[in-house]
Amino acid sequence: MQIDHLVTMANQIGDFFKSFPDQAQAKKDIAHHLTRFWASSMRQQILLHVQNNHGAGLHDIVRDAINQHLNNATASELSSNIDD
C-alpha cells in the first residue's frame, strides 16, 4: 500500500482520538487501533516511515503514538514471527 494512503488513514484515526482529554491514553488508543485493525505489513510500513522519514505528513499525536507504543508491539510481533 502506498505510504501516502497509510499516512492519511493514520491521521484520520488520530483526528478521532486527539479530542480526548487524556492525551497519553489517546496515543495508546491510536496504537491499539493500528495493532488491532491494520495488517502487520501496513503497521511495518508506517513504522518504517516514522523511522526513516521522521513520520513526514503524520500529525504529531499519531507520530508520538507510533514512536511510544507501536514500536514495542511491532518488535514483539516480528520476534514471534521469527520464532515460528
N, C-alpha and C. Protein backbone atom coordinates (compact mmCIF):
# COMPACT_ATOMS: atom_id res chain seq x y z
N MET A 1 0.85 -1.18 0.00
CA MET A 1 0.00 0.00 0.00
C MET A 1 0.90 1.24 0.00
N GLN A 2 0.46 2.26 -0.68
CA GLN A 2 1.23 3.49 -0.77
C GLN A 2 1.29 4.18 0.59
N ILE A 3 2.46 4.70 0.93
CA ILE A 3 2.65 5.32 2.24
C ILE A 3 1.76 6.55 2.40
N ASP A 4 1.51 7.29 1.33
CA ASP A 4 0.64 8.47 1.43
C ASP A 4 -0.76 8.08 1.90
N HIS A 5 -1.24 6.95 1.41
CA HIS A 5 -2.57 6.48 1.82
C HIS A 5 -2.55 6.05 3.29
N LEU A 6 -1.48 5.39 3.71
CA LEU A 6 -1.37 4.98 5.12
C LEU A 6 -1.29 6.20 6.04
N VAL A 7 -0.55 7.22 5.61
CA VAL A 7 -0.44 8.45 6.40
C VAL A 7 -1.82 9.09 6.55
N THR A 8 -2.57 9.16 5.46
CA THR A 8 -3.91 9.74 5.51
C THR A 8 -4.81 8.95 6.46
N MET A 9 -4.77 7.63 6.36
CA MET A 9 -5.59 6.79 7.22
C MET A 9 -5.19 6.95 8.69
N ALA A 10 -3.89 6.96 8.96
CA ALA A 10 -3.41 7.11 10.33
C ALA A 10 -3.82 8.47 10.90
N ASN A 11 -3.74 9.51 10.09
CA ASN A 11 -4.15 10.85 10.54
C ASN A 11 -5.65 10.92 10.83
N GLN A 12 -6.45 10.20 10.05
CA GLN A 12 -7.89 10.15 10.32
C GLN A 12 -8.16 9.49 11.68
N ILE A 13 -7.43 8.45 11.99
CA ILE A 13 -7.56 7.80 13.30
C ILE A 13 -7.13 8.79 14.38
N GLY A 14 -6.02 9.47 14.15
CA GLY A 14 -5.54 10.47 15.10
C GLY A 14 -6.53 11.60 15.31
N ASP A 15 -7.20 12.01 14.25
CA ASP A 15 -8.20 13.08 14.36
C ASP A 15 -9.33 12.69 15.31
N PHE A 16 -9.71 11.42 15.28
CA PHE A 16 -10.76 10.96 16.18
C PHE A 16 -10.30 11.03 17.64
N PHE A 17 -9.08 10.57 17.90
CA PHE A 17 -8.61 10.45 19.28
C PHE A 17 -8.02 11.74 19.85
N LYS A 18 -7.65 12.70 19.01
CA LYS A 18 -6.96 13.89 19.51
C LYS A 18 -7.82 14.76 20.41
N SER A 19 -9.13 14.62 20.33
CA SER A 19 -10.01 15.42 21.18
C SER A 19 -10.17 14.82 22.58
N PHE A 20 -9.63 13.64 22.80
CA PHE A 20 -9.72 13.01 24.12
C PHE A 20 -8.95 13.86 25.13
N PRO A 21 -9.50 14.04 26.33
CA PRO A 21 -8.83 14.87 27.33
C PRO A 21 -7.50 14.28 27.81
N ASP A 22 -7.40 12.98 27.87
CA ASP A 22 -6.17 12.31 28.32
C ASP A 22 -5.34 11.96 27.08
N GLN A 23 -4.38 12.82 26.74
CA GLN A 23 -3.60 12.63 25.52
C GLN A 23 -2.71 11.39 25.57
N ALA A 24 -2.23 11.03 26.76
CA ALA A 24 -1.43 9.81 26.88
C ALA A 24 -2.28 8.60 26.54
N GLN A 25 -3.52 8.58 27.02
CA GLN A 25 -4.43 7.47 26.70
C GLN A 25 -4.81 7.50 25.22
N ALA A 26 -4.97 8.68 24.68
CA ALA A 26 -5.31 8.81 23.25
C ALA A 26 -4.21 8.17 22.39
N LYS A 27 -2.96 8.40 22.75
CA LYS A 27 -1.85 7.80 22.00
C LYS A 27 -1.86 6.29 22.11
N LYS A 28 -2.16 5.77 23.28
CA LYS A 28 -2.27 4.31 23.45
C LYS A 28 -3.41 3.78 22.60
N ASP A 29 -4.52 4.51 22.56
CA ASP A 29 -5.68 4.07 21.79
C ASP A 29 -5.40 4.09 20.29
N ILE A 30 -4.66 5.07 19.83
CA ILE A 30 -4.27 5.12 18.42
C ILE A 30 -3.43 3.89 18.08
N ALA A 31 -2.43 3.62 18.89
CA ALA A 31 -1.57 2.46 18.65
C ALA A 31 -2.37 1.16 18.73
N HIS A 32 -3.28 1.09 19.68
CA HIS A 32 -4.12 -0.11 19.82
C HIS A 32 -4.97 -0.30 18.56
N HIS A 33 -5.53 0.78 18.05
CA HIS A 33 -6.33 0.70 16.83
C HIS A 33 -5.48 0.18 15.67
N LEU A 34 -4.28 0.72 15.52
CA LEU A 34 -3.41 0.28 14.43
C LEU A 34 -3.05 -1.19 14.60
N THR A 35 -2.81 -1.61 15.82
CA THR A 35 -2.45 -3.00 16.08
C THR A 35 -3.62 -3.93 15.81
N ARG A 36 -4.79 -3.50 16.18
CA ARG A 36 -5.97 -4.37 16.07
C ARG A 36 -6.54 -4.45 14.66
N PHE A 37 -6.53 -3.33 13.95
CA PHE A 37 -7.26 -3.29 12.68
C PHE A 37 -6.38 -3.21 11.43
N TRP A 38 -5.12 -2.91 11.58
CA TRP A 38 -4.24 -2.83 10.42
C TRP A 38 -3.47 -4.15 10.27
N ALA A 39 -3.25 -4.54 9.03
CA ALA A 39 -2.42 -5.71 8.76
C ALA A 39 -1.00 -5.43 9.21
N SER A 40 -0.29 -6.47 9.57
CA SER A 40 1.08 -6.27 10.06
C SER A 40 1.95 -5.58 9.01
N SER A 41 1.72 -5.85 7.73
CA SER A 41 2.51 -5.20 6.68
C SER A 41 2.25 -3.69 6.66
N MET A 42 1.02 -3.29 6.94
CA MET A 42 0.69 -1.86 6.99
C MET A 42 1.37 -1.21 8.19
N ARG A 43 1.33 -1.88 9.34
CA ARG A 43 1.99 -1.34 10.54
C ARG A 43 3.49 -1.22 10.33
N GLN A 44 4.07 -2.22 9.70
CA GLN A 44 5.50 -2.17 9.44
C GLN A 44 5.86 -1.02 8.50
N GLN A 45 5.03 -0.78 7.49
CA GLN A 45 5.29 0.32 6.56
C GLN A 45 5.23 1.68 7.27
N ILE A 46 4.21 1.86 8.12
CA ILE A 46 4.08 3.16 8.79
C ILE A 46 5.19 3.34 9.81
N LEU A 47 5.59 2.26 10.46
CA LEU A 47 6.70 2.33 11.41
C LEU A 47 8.00 2.68 10.70
N LEU A 48 8.25 2.07 9.58
CA LEU A 48 9.45 2.41 8.80
C LEU A 48 9.41 3.85 8.32
N HIS A 49 8.23 4.32 7.97
CA HIS A 49 8.08 5.72 7.55
C HIS A 49 8.46 6.67 8.69
N VAL A 50 8.04 6.33 9.89
CA VAL A 50 8.39 7.16 11.06
C VAL A 50 9.89 7.08 11.31
N GLN A 51 10.44 5.90 11.22
CA GLN A 51 11.87 5.74 11.50
C GLN A 51 12.75 6.38 10.42
N ASN A 52 12.38 6.20 9.17
CA ASN A 52 13.24 6.66 8.07
C ASN A 52 12.96 8.08 7.61
N ASN A 53 11.71 8.54 7.78
CA ASN A 53 11.32 9.86 7.27
C ASN A 53 10.77 10.76 8.37
N HIS A 54 11.02 10.40 9.60
CA HIS A 54 10.54 11.17 10.75
C HIS A 54 9.03 11.36 10.72
N GLY A 55 8.32 10.41 10.08
CA GLY A 55 6.86 10.48 10.05
C GLY A 55 6.32 11.65 9.26
N ALA A 56 7.01 12.03 8.19
CA ALA A 56 6.58 13.17 7.38
C ALA A 56 5.11 13.04 7.03
N GLY A 57 4.34 14.10 7.30
CA GLY A 57 2.93 14.14 6.98
C GLY A 57 2.02 13.65 8.08
N LEU A 58 2.57 12.95 9.06
CA LEU A 58 1.75 12.47 10.17
C LEU A 58 1.52 13.58 11.18
N HIS A 59 0.32 13.60 11.76
CA HIS A 59 0.04 14.53 12.86
C HIS A 59 0.93 14.14 14.04
N ASP A 60 1.27 15.13 14.85
CA ASP A 60 2.16 14.88 15.99
C ASP A 60 1.66 13.76 16.89
N ILE A 61 0.37 13.75 17.19
CA ILE A 61 -0.17 12.74 18.09
C ILE A 61 -0.02 11.32 17.52
N VAL A 62 -0.15 11.20 16.21
CA VAL A 62 -0.01 9.89 15.55
C VAL A 62 1.45 9.45 15.57
N ARG A 63 2.33 10.37 15.22
CA ARG A 63 3.76 10.05 15.23
C ARG A 63 4.21 9.65 16.64
N ASP A 64 3.74 10.40 17.65
CA ASP A 64 4.09 10.07 19.03
C ASP A 64 3.54 8.70 19.43
N ALA A 65 2.30 8.42 19.02
CA ALA A 65 1.69 7.13 19.34
C ALA A 65 2.50 5.98 18.74
N ILE A 66 2.93 6.16 17.52
CA ILE A 66 3.72 5.12 16.85
C ILE A 66 5.06 4.97 17.53
N ASN A 67 5.72 6.07 17.82
CA ASN A 67 7.03 6.01 18.48
C ASN A 67 6.94 5.41 19.88
N GLN A 68 5.92 5.78 20.63
CA GLN A 68 5.83 5.36 22.02
C GLN A 68 5.24 3.97 22.20
N HIS A 69 4.34 3.56 21.33
CA HIS A 69 3.59 2.33 21.59
C HIS A 69 3.69 1.28 20.49
N LEU A 70 3.74 1.71 19.25
CA LEU A 70 3.73 0.73 18.17
C LEU A 70 5.09 0.08 17.98
N ASN A 71 6.15 0.80 18.30
CA ASN A 71 7.49 0.22 18.19
C ASN A 71 7.57 -1.08 18.97
N ASN A 72 7.13 -1.07 20.21
CA ASN A 72 7.22 -2.26 21.06
C ASN A 72 6.33 -3.38 20.54
N ALA A 73 5.12 -3.06 20.13
CA ALA A 73 4.20 -4.08 19.64
C ALA A 73 4.74 -4.72 18.36
N THR A 74 5.27 -3.92 17.46
CA THR A 74 5.78 -4.44 16.20
C THR A 74 7.04 -5.27 16.43
N ALA A 75 7.90 -4.82 17.31
CA ALA A 75 9.11 -5.58 17.62
C ALA A 75 8.75 -6.94 18.21
N SER A 76 7.78 -6.98 19.10
CA SER A 76 7.34 -8.25 19.68
C SER A 76 6.75 -9.15 18.61
N GLU A 77 5.96 -8.56 17.73
CA GLU A 77 5.33 -9.32 16.65
C GLU A 77 6.39 -9.91 15.73
N LEU A 78 7.37 -9.11 15.38
CA LEU A 78 8.42 -9.59 14.48
C LEU A 78 9.21 -10.71 15.12
N SER A 79 9.54 -10.57 16.41
CA SER A 79 10.32 -11.63 17.06
C SER A 79 9.50 -12.91 17.20
N SER A 80 8.18 -12.79 17.40
CA SER A 80 7.36 -14.01 17.49
C SER A 80 7.24 -14.68 16.13
N ASN A 81 7.25 -13.91 15.05
CA ASN A 81 7.23 -14.49 13.71
C ASN A 81 8.52 -15.24 13.41
N ILE A 82 9.62 -14.75 13.93
CA ILE A 82 10.92 -15.41 13.74
C ILE A 82 10.94 -16.74 14.47
N ASP A 83 10.31 -16.78 15.65
CA ASP A 83 10.29 -18.00 16.45
C ASP A 83 9.41 -19.09 15.85
N ASP A 84 8.45 -18.71 15.01
CA ASP A 84 7.51 -19.70 14.44
C ASP A 84 8.17 -20.63 13.46
